[in-house]
Amino acid sequence: MVIPHAHQRMIQREITTTDIKLVLLHGSIKKQPRGRYRFKGWCMDKRDCQVVIEFENGLIIITAISDEK
């Protein structure tokens, strides 16, 4: 599930669902406060990309961050 905030950031930062999958599958993971996890990896176009998630009845994508194009 992608919350509205994350969806808006994905559009603003030109991050696709394929980018999100790539980071979640191949990125490094760091535990964050409040039960969240930050994945760091790369988007398809080689930009650094980060995805913050939490688990609450499944995976919830909180936000997506990338270097500017």
PDB file of N, CA and C in Angstrom:
ATOM      1  N   MET A   1       0.834  -1.180   0.000  1.00  0.00           N
ATOM      2  CA  MET A   1       0.000   0.000   0.000  1.00  0.00           C
ATOM      3  C   MET A   1       0.879   1.243   0.000  1.00  0.00           C
ATOM      4  N   VAL A   2       0.558   2.178  -0.823  1.00  0.00           N
ATOM      5  CA  VAL A   2       1.277   3.456  -0.901  1.00  0.00           C
ATOM      6  C   VAL A   2       0.345   4.536  -0.346  1.00  0.00           C
ATOM      7  N   ILE A   3       0.752   5.191   0.743  1.00  0.00           N
ATOM      8  CA  ILE A   3      -0.105   6.238   1.299  1.00  0.00           C
ATOM      9  C   ILE A   3      -0.079   7.459   0.374  1.00  0.00           C
ATOM     10  N   PRO A   4      -1.091   8.323   0.457  1.00  0.00           N
ATOM     11  CA  PRO A   4      -1.165   9.484  -0.444  1.00  0.00           C
ATOM     12  C   PRO A   4       0.096  10.362  -0.434  1.00  0.00           C
ATOM     13  N   HIS A   5       0.694  10.566   0.735  1.00  0.00           N
ATOM     14  CA  HIS A   5       1.919  11.374   0.812  1.00  0.00           C
ATOM     15  C   HIS A   5       3.018  10.754  -0.052  1.00  0.00           C
ATOM     16  N   ALA A   6       3.209   9.450   0.069  1.00  0.00           N
ATOM     17  CA  ALA A   6       4.252   8.774  -0.711  1.00  0.00           C
ATOM     18  C   ALA A   6       3.948   8.842  -2.201  1.00  0.00           C
ATOM     19  N   HIS A   7       2.687   8.658  -2.561  1.00  0.00           N
ATOM     20  CA  HIS A   7       2.302   8.733  -3.978  1.00  0.00           C
ATOM     21  C   HIS A   7       2.613  10.124  -4.547  1.00  0.00           C
ATOM     22  N   GLN A   8       2.294  11.162  -3.778  1.00  0.00           N
ATOM     23  CA  GLN A   8       2.576  12.539  -4.213  1.00  0.00           C
ATOM     24  C   GLN A   8       4.082  12.750  -4.384  1.00  0.00           C
ATOM     25  N   ARG A   9       4.873  12.257  -3.445  1.00  0.00           N
ATOM     26  CA  ARG A   9       6.337  12.409  -3.538  1.00  0.00           C
ATOM     27  C   ARG A   9       6.891  11.632  -4.728  1.00  0.00           C
ATOM     28  N   MET A  10       6.331  10.464  -5.004  1.00  0.00           N
ATOM     29  CA  MET A  10       6.778   9.689  -6.161  1.00  0.00           C
ATOM     30  C   MET A  10       6.560  10.477  -7.442  1.00  0.00           C
ATOM     31  N   ILE A  11       5.423  11.126  -7.566  1.00  0.00           N
ATOM     32  CA  ILE A  11       5.140  11.931  -8.761  1.00  0.00           C
ATOM     33  C   ILE A  11       6.099  13.116  -8.839  1.00  0.00           C
ATOM     34  N   GLN A  12       6.251  13.843  -7.725  1.00  0.00           N
ATOM     35  CA  GLN A  12       7.129  15.021  -7.696  1.00  0.00           C
ATOM     36  C   GLN A  12       8.574  14.657  -8.027  1.00  0.00           C
ATOM     37  N   ARG A  13       9.012  13.504  -7.544  1.00  0.00           N
ATOM     38  CA  ARG A  13      10.418  13.117  -7.677  1.00  0.00           C
ATOM     39  C   ARG A  13      10.660  12.141  -8.818  1.00  0.00           C
ATOM     40  N   GLU A  14       9.620  11.898  -9.603  1.00  0.00           N
ATOM     41  CA  GLU A  14       9.710  11.003 -10.756  1.00  0.00           C
ATOM     42  C   GLU A  14      10.263   9.629 -10.379  1.00  0.00           C
ATOM     43  N   ILE A  15       9.675   9.059  -9.329  1.00  0.00           N
ATOM     44  CA  ILE A  15      10.024   7.722  -8.856  1.00  0.00           C
ATOM     45  C   ILE A  15       8.875   6.797  -9.243  1.00  0.00           C
ATOM     46  N   THR A  16       9.198   5.704  -9.920  1.00  0.00           N
ATOM     47  CA  THR A  16       8.174   4.776 -10.388  1.00  0.00           C
ATOM     48  C   THR A  16       8.008   3.609  -9.410  1.00  0.00           C
ATOM     49  N   THR A  17       6.948   2.843  -9.610  1.00  0.00           N
ATOM     50  CA  THR A  17       6.777   1.648  -8.785  1.00  0.00           C
ATOM     51  C   THR A  17       7.902   0.645  -9.047  1.00  0.00           C
ATOM     52  N   THR A  18       8.426   0.637 -10.259  1.00  0.00           N
ATOM     53  CA  THR A  18       9.573  -0.227 -10.564  1.00  0.00           C
ATOM     54  C   THR A  18      10.788   0.209  -9.754  1.00  0.00           C
ATOM     55  N   ASP A  19      11.001   1.525  -9.625  1.00  0.00           N
ATOM     56  CA  ASP A  19      12.091   2.035  -8.793  1.00  0.00           C
ATOM     57  C   ASP A  19      11.925   1.573  -7.345  1.00  0.00           C
ATOM     58  N   ILE A  20      10.697   1.679  -6.827  1.00  0.00           N
ATOM     59  CA  ILE A  20      10.414   1.272  -5.442  1.00  0.00           C
ATOM     60  C   ILE A  20      10.745  -0.207  -5.254  1.00  0.00           C
ATOM     61  N   LYS A  21      10.289  -1.047  -6.179  1.00  0.00           N
ATOM     62  CA  LYS A  21      10.557  -2.484  -6.091  1.00  0.00           C
ATOM     63  C   LYS A  21      12.052  -2.762  -6.113  1.00  0.00           C
ATOM     64  N   LEU A  22      12.776  -2.072  -6.987  1.00  0.00           N
ATOM     65  CA  LEU A  22      14.216  -2.257  -7.099  1.00  0.00           C
ATOM     66  C   LEU A  22      14.915  -1.939  -5.775  1.00  0.00           C
ATOM     67  N   VAL A  23      14.544  -0.815  -5.156  1.00  0.00           N
ATOM     68  CA  VAL A  23      15.156  -0.414  -3.888  1.00  0.00           C
ATOM     69  C   VAL A  23      14.798  -1.414  -2.781  1.00  0.00           C
ATOM     70  N   LEU A  24      13.545  -1.845  -2.719  1.00  0.00           N
ATOM     71  CA  LEU A  24      13.138  -2.791  -1.675  1.00  0.00           C
ATOM     72  C   LEU A  24      13.809  -4.151  -1.840  1.00  0.00           C
ATOM     73  N   LEU A  25      14.034  -4.577  -3.068  1.00  0.00           N
ATOM     74  CA  LEU A  25      14.653  -5.881  -3.310  1.00  0.00           C
ATOM     75  C   LEU A  25      16.164  -5.874  -3.151  1.00  0.00           C
ATOM     76  N   HIS A  26      16.817  -4.758  -3.525  1.00  0.00           N
ATOM     77  CA  HIS A  26      18.276  -4.760  -3.593  1.00  0.00           C
ATOM     78  C   HIS A  26      18.961  -3.710  -2.720  1.00  0.00           C
ATOM     79  N   GLY A  27      18.192  -2.858  -2.070  1.00  0.00           N
ATOM     80  CA  GLY A  27      18.790  -1.794  -1.257  1.00  0.00           C
ATOM     81  C   GLY A  27      19.226  -2.274   0.110  1.00  0.00           C
ATOM     82  N   SER A  28      19.988  -1.432   0.779  1.00  0.00           N
ATOM     83  CA  SER A  28      20.381  -1.708   2.162  1.00  0.00           C
ATOM     84  C   SER A  28      19.266  -1.222   3.083  1.00  0.00           C
ATOM     85  N   ILE A  29      19.165  -1.851   4.264  1.00  0.00           N
ATOM     86  CA  ILE A  29      18.069  -1.570   5.184  1.00  0.00           C
ATOM     87  C   ILE A  29      18.628  -1.008   6.489  1.00  0.00           C
ATOM     88  N   LYS A  30      17.948   0.032   7.014  1.00  0.00           N
ATOM     89  CA  LYS A  30      18.310   0.580   8.318  1.00  0.00           C
ATOM     90  C   LYS A  30      17.030   0.809   9.106  1.00  0.00           C
ATOM     91  N   LYS A  31      16.981   0.260  10.322  1.00  0.00           N
ATOM     92  CA  LYS A  31      15.810   0.444  11.183  1.00  0.00           C
ATOM     93  C   LYS A  31      15.735   1.900  11.625  1.00  0.00           C
ATOM     94  N   GLN A  32      14.529   2.452  11.622  1.00  0.00           N
ATOM     95  CA  GLN A  32      14.263   3.833  12.009  1.00  0.00           C
ATOM     96  C   GLN A  32      13.377   3.832  13.262  1.00  0.00           C
ATOM     97  N   PRO A  33      13.197   4.993  13.890  1.00  0.00           N
ATOM     98  CA  PRO A  33      12.281   5.069  15.036  1.00  0.00           C
ATOM     99  C   PRO A  33      10.843   4.747  14.626  1.00  0.00           C
ATOM    100  N   ARG A  34      10.015   4.415  15.577  1.00  0.00           N
ATOM    101  CA  ARG A  34       8.580   4.158  15.415  1.00  0.00           C
ATOM    102  C   ARG A  34       8.285   2.974  14.494  1.00  0.00           C
ATOM    103  N   GLY A  35       9.178   2.001  14.480  1.00  0.00           N
ATOM    104  CA  GLY A  35       8.930   0.785  13.707  1.00  0.00           C
ATOM    105  C   GLY A  35       9.047   0.925  12.207  1.00  0.00           C
ATOM    106  N   ARG A  36       9.728   1.950  11.768  1.00  0.00           N
ATOM    107  CA  ARG A  36       9.907   2.169  10.331  1.00  0.00           C
ATOM    108  C   ARG A  36      11.274   1.660   9.885  1.00  0.00           C
ATOM    109  N   TYR A  37      11.395   1.457   8.571  1.00  0.00           N
ATOM    110  CA  TYR A  37      12.647   0.994   7.973  1.00  0.00           C
ATOM    111  C   TYR A  37      12.945   1.854   6.753  1.00  0.00           C
ATOM    112  N   ARG A  38      14.236   2.208   6.596  1.00  0.00           N
ATOM    113  CA  ARG A  38      14.679   2.993   5.444  1.00  0.00           C
ATOM    114  C   ARG A  38      15.526   2.087   4.555  1.00  0.00           C
ATOM    115  N   PHE A  39      15.116   1.984   3.297  1.00  0.00           N
ATOM    116  CA  PHE A  39      15.861   1.229   2.298  1.00  0.00           C
ATOM    117  C   PHE A  39      16.592   2.229   1.408  1.00  0.00           C
ATOM    118  N   LYS A  40      17.884   2.011   1.192  1.00  0.00           N
ATOM    119  CA  LYS A  40      18.674   2.878   0.319  1.00  0.00           C
ATOM    120  C   LYS A  40      19.185   2.052  -0.848  1.00  0.00           C
ATOM    121  N   GLY A  41      18.993   2.593  -2.053  1.00  0.00           N
ATOM    122  CA  GLY A  41      19.443   1.899  -3.257  1.00  0.00           C
ATOM    123  C   GLY A  41      19.471   2.860  -4.427  1.00  0.00           C
ATOM    124  N   TRP A  42      19.140   2.340  -5.629  1.00  0.00           N
ATOM    125  CA  TRP A  42      19.192   3.148  -6.841  1.00  0.00           C
ATOM    126  C   TRP A  42      17.922   2.975  -7.653  1.00  0.00           C
ATOM    127  N   CYS A  43      17.487   4.074  -8.251  1.00  0.00           N
ATOM    128  CA  CYS A  43      16.378   4.041  -9.202  1.00  0.00           C
ATOM    129  C   CYS A  43      16.889   3.454 -10.519  1.00  0.00           C
ATOM    130  N   MET A  44      15.990   3.164 -11.425  1.00  0.00           N
ATOM    131  CA  MET A  44      16.366   2.604 -12.724  1.00  0.00           C
ATOM    132  C   MET A  44      17.302   3.518 -13.496  1.00  0.00           C
ATOM    133  N   ASP A  45      17.173   4.847 -13.301  1.00  0.00           N
ATOM    134  CA  ASP A  45      18.027   5.793 -14.020  1.00  0.00           C
ATOM    135  C   ASP A  45      19.315   6.116 -13.252  1.00  0.00           C
ATOM    136  N   LYS A  46      19.648   5.275 -12.263  1.00  0.00           N
ATOM    137  CA  LYS A  46      20.903   5.335 -11.505  1.00  0.00           C
ATOM    138  C   LYS A  46      20.967   6.442 -10.442  1.00  0.00           C
ATOM    139  N   ARG A  47      19.856   7.151 -10.201  1.00  0.00           N
ATOM    140  CA  ARG A  47      19.837   8.115  -9.089  1.00  0.00           C
ATOM    141  C   ARG A  47      19.795   7.353  -7.780  1.00  0.00           C
ATOM    142  N   ASP A  48      20.422   7.925  -6.731  1.00  0.00           N
ATOM    143  CA  ASP A  48      20.241   7.379  -5.394  1.00  0.00           C
ATOM    144  C   ASP A  48      18.772   7.499  -5.039  1.00  0.00           C
ATOM    145  N   CYS A  49      18.232   6.487  -4.401  1.00  0.00           N
ATOM    146  CA  CYS A  49      16.810   6.468  -4.083  1.00  0.00           C
ATOM    147  C   CYS A  49      16.628   5.845  -2.703  1.00  0.00           C
ATOM    148  N   GLN A  50      15.690   6.373  -1.931  1.00  0.00           N
ATOM    149  CA  GLN A  50      15.374   5.837  -0.615  1.00  0.00           C
ATOM    150  C   GLN A  50      13.872   5.635  -0.504  1.00  0.00           C
ATOM    151  N   VAL A  51      13.501   4.598   0.240  1.00  0.00           N
ATOM    152  CA  VAL A  51      12.094   4.311   0.489  1.00  0.00           C
ATOM    153  C   VAL A  51      11.944   4.055   1.985  1.00  0.00           C
ATOM    154  N   VAL A  52      10.978   4.722   2.606  1.00  0.00           N
ATOM    155  CA  VAL A  52      10.694   4.507   4.021  1.00  0.00           C
ATOM    156  C   VAL A  52       9.388   3.737   4.117  1.00  0.00           C
ATOM    157  N   ILE A  53       9.432   2.630   4.886  1.00  0.00           N
ATOM    158  CA  ILE A  53       8.248   1.786   5.023  1.00  0.00           C
ATOM    159  C   ILE A  53       7.956   1.513   6.496  1.00  0.00           C
ATOM    160  N   GLU A  54       6.755   1.026   6.749  1.00  0.00           N
ATOM    161  CA  GLU A  54       6.422   0.445   8.047  1.00  0.00           C
ATOM    162  C   GLU A  54       5.477  -0.717   7.798  1.00  0.00           C
ATOM    163  N   PHE A  55       5.321  -1.555   8.799  1.00  0.00           N
ATOM    164  CA  PHE A  55       4.414  -2.694   8.702  1.00  0.00           C
ATOM    165  C   PHE A  55       3.244  -2.459   9.644  1.00  0.00           C
ATOM    166  N   GLU A  56       2.050  -2.444   9.091  1.00  0.00           N
ATOM    167  CA  GLU A  56       0.821  -2.342   9.872  1.00  0.00           C
ATOM    168  C   GLU A  56      -0.251  -3.029   9.033  1.00  0.00           C
ATOM    169  N   ASN A  57      -0.505  -4.289   9.343  1.00  0.00           N
ATOM    170  CA  ASN A  57      -1.407  -5.111   8.512  1.00  0.00           C
ATOM    171  C   ASN A  57      -0.891  -5.182   7.085  1.00  0.00           C
ATOM    172  N   GLY A  58       0.397  -5.311   6.916  1.00  0.00           N
ATOM    173  CA  GLY A  58       1.023  -5.368   5.598  1.00  0.00           C
ATOM    174  C   GLY A  58       2.046  -4.258   5.443  1.00  0.00           C
ATOM    175  N   LEU A  59       2.678  -4.213   4.300  1.00  0.00           N
ATOM    176  CA  LEU A  59       3.696  -3.217   3.990  1.00  0.00           C
ATOM    177  C   LEU A  59       3.043  -1.898   3.602  1.00  0.00           C
ATOM    178  N   ILE A  60       3.489  -0.818   4.224  1.00  0.00           N
ATOM    179  CA  ILE A  60       2.986   0.513   3.900  1.00  0.00           C
ATOM    180  C   ILE A  60       4.172   1.385   3.505  1.00  0.00           C
ATOM    181  N   ILE A  61       4.124   1.967   2.320  1.00  0.00           N
ATOM    182  CA  ILE A  61       5.183   2.866   1.879  1.00  0.00           C
ATOM    183  C   ILE A  61       4.847   4.256   2.383  1.00  0.00           C
ATOM    184  N   ILE A  62       5.752   4.806   3.198  1.00  0.00           N
ATOM    185  CA  ILE A  62       5.542   6.092   3.846  1.00  0.00           C
ATOM    186  C   ILE A  62       5.993   7.239   2.950  1.00  0.00           C
ATOM    187  N   THR A  63       7.193   7.108   2.373  1.00  0.00           N
ATOM    188  CA  THR A  63       7.685   8.153   1.456  1.00  0.00           C
ATOM    189  C   THR A  63       8.756   7.578   0.558  1.00  0.00           C
ATOM    190  N   ALA A  64       9.076   8.318  -0.493  1.00  0.00           N
ATOM    191  CA  ALA A  64      10.127   7.951  -1.441  1.00  0.00           C
ATOM    192  C   ALA A  64      10.969   9.200  -1.711  1.00  0.00           C
ATOM    193  N   ILE A  65      12.287   9.023  -1.690  1.00  0.00           N
ATOM    194  CA  ILE A  65      13.220  10.129  -1.794  1.00  0.00           C
ATOM    195  C   ILE A  65      14.253   9.783  -2.854  1.00  0.00           C
ATOM    196  N   SER A  66      14.663  10.772  -3.652  1.00  0.00           N
ATOM    197  CA  SER A  66      15.729  10.524  -4.634  1.00  0.00           C
ATOM    198  C   SER A  66      16.525  11.795  -4.861  1.00  0.00           C
ATOM    199  N   ASP A  67      17.698  11.606  -5.468  1.00  0.00           N
ATOM    200  CA  ASP A  67      18.462  12.753  -5.930  1.00  0.00           C
ATOM    201  C   ASP A  67      17.672  13.414  -7.035  1.00  0.00           C
ATOM    202  N   GLU A  68      17.861  14.703  -7.228  1.00  0.00           N
ATOM    203  CA  GLU A  68      17.158  15.407  -8.302  1.00  0.00           C
ATOM    204  C   GLU A  68      17.699  14.955  -9.643  1.00  0.00           C
ATOM    205  N   LYS A  69      16.820  15.000 -10.648  1.00  0.00           N
ATOM    206  CA  LYS A  69      17.240  14.646 -12.017  1.00  0.00           C
ATOM    207  C   LYS A  69      18.040  15.755 -12.618  1.00  0.00           C
TER     208      LYS A  69
END
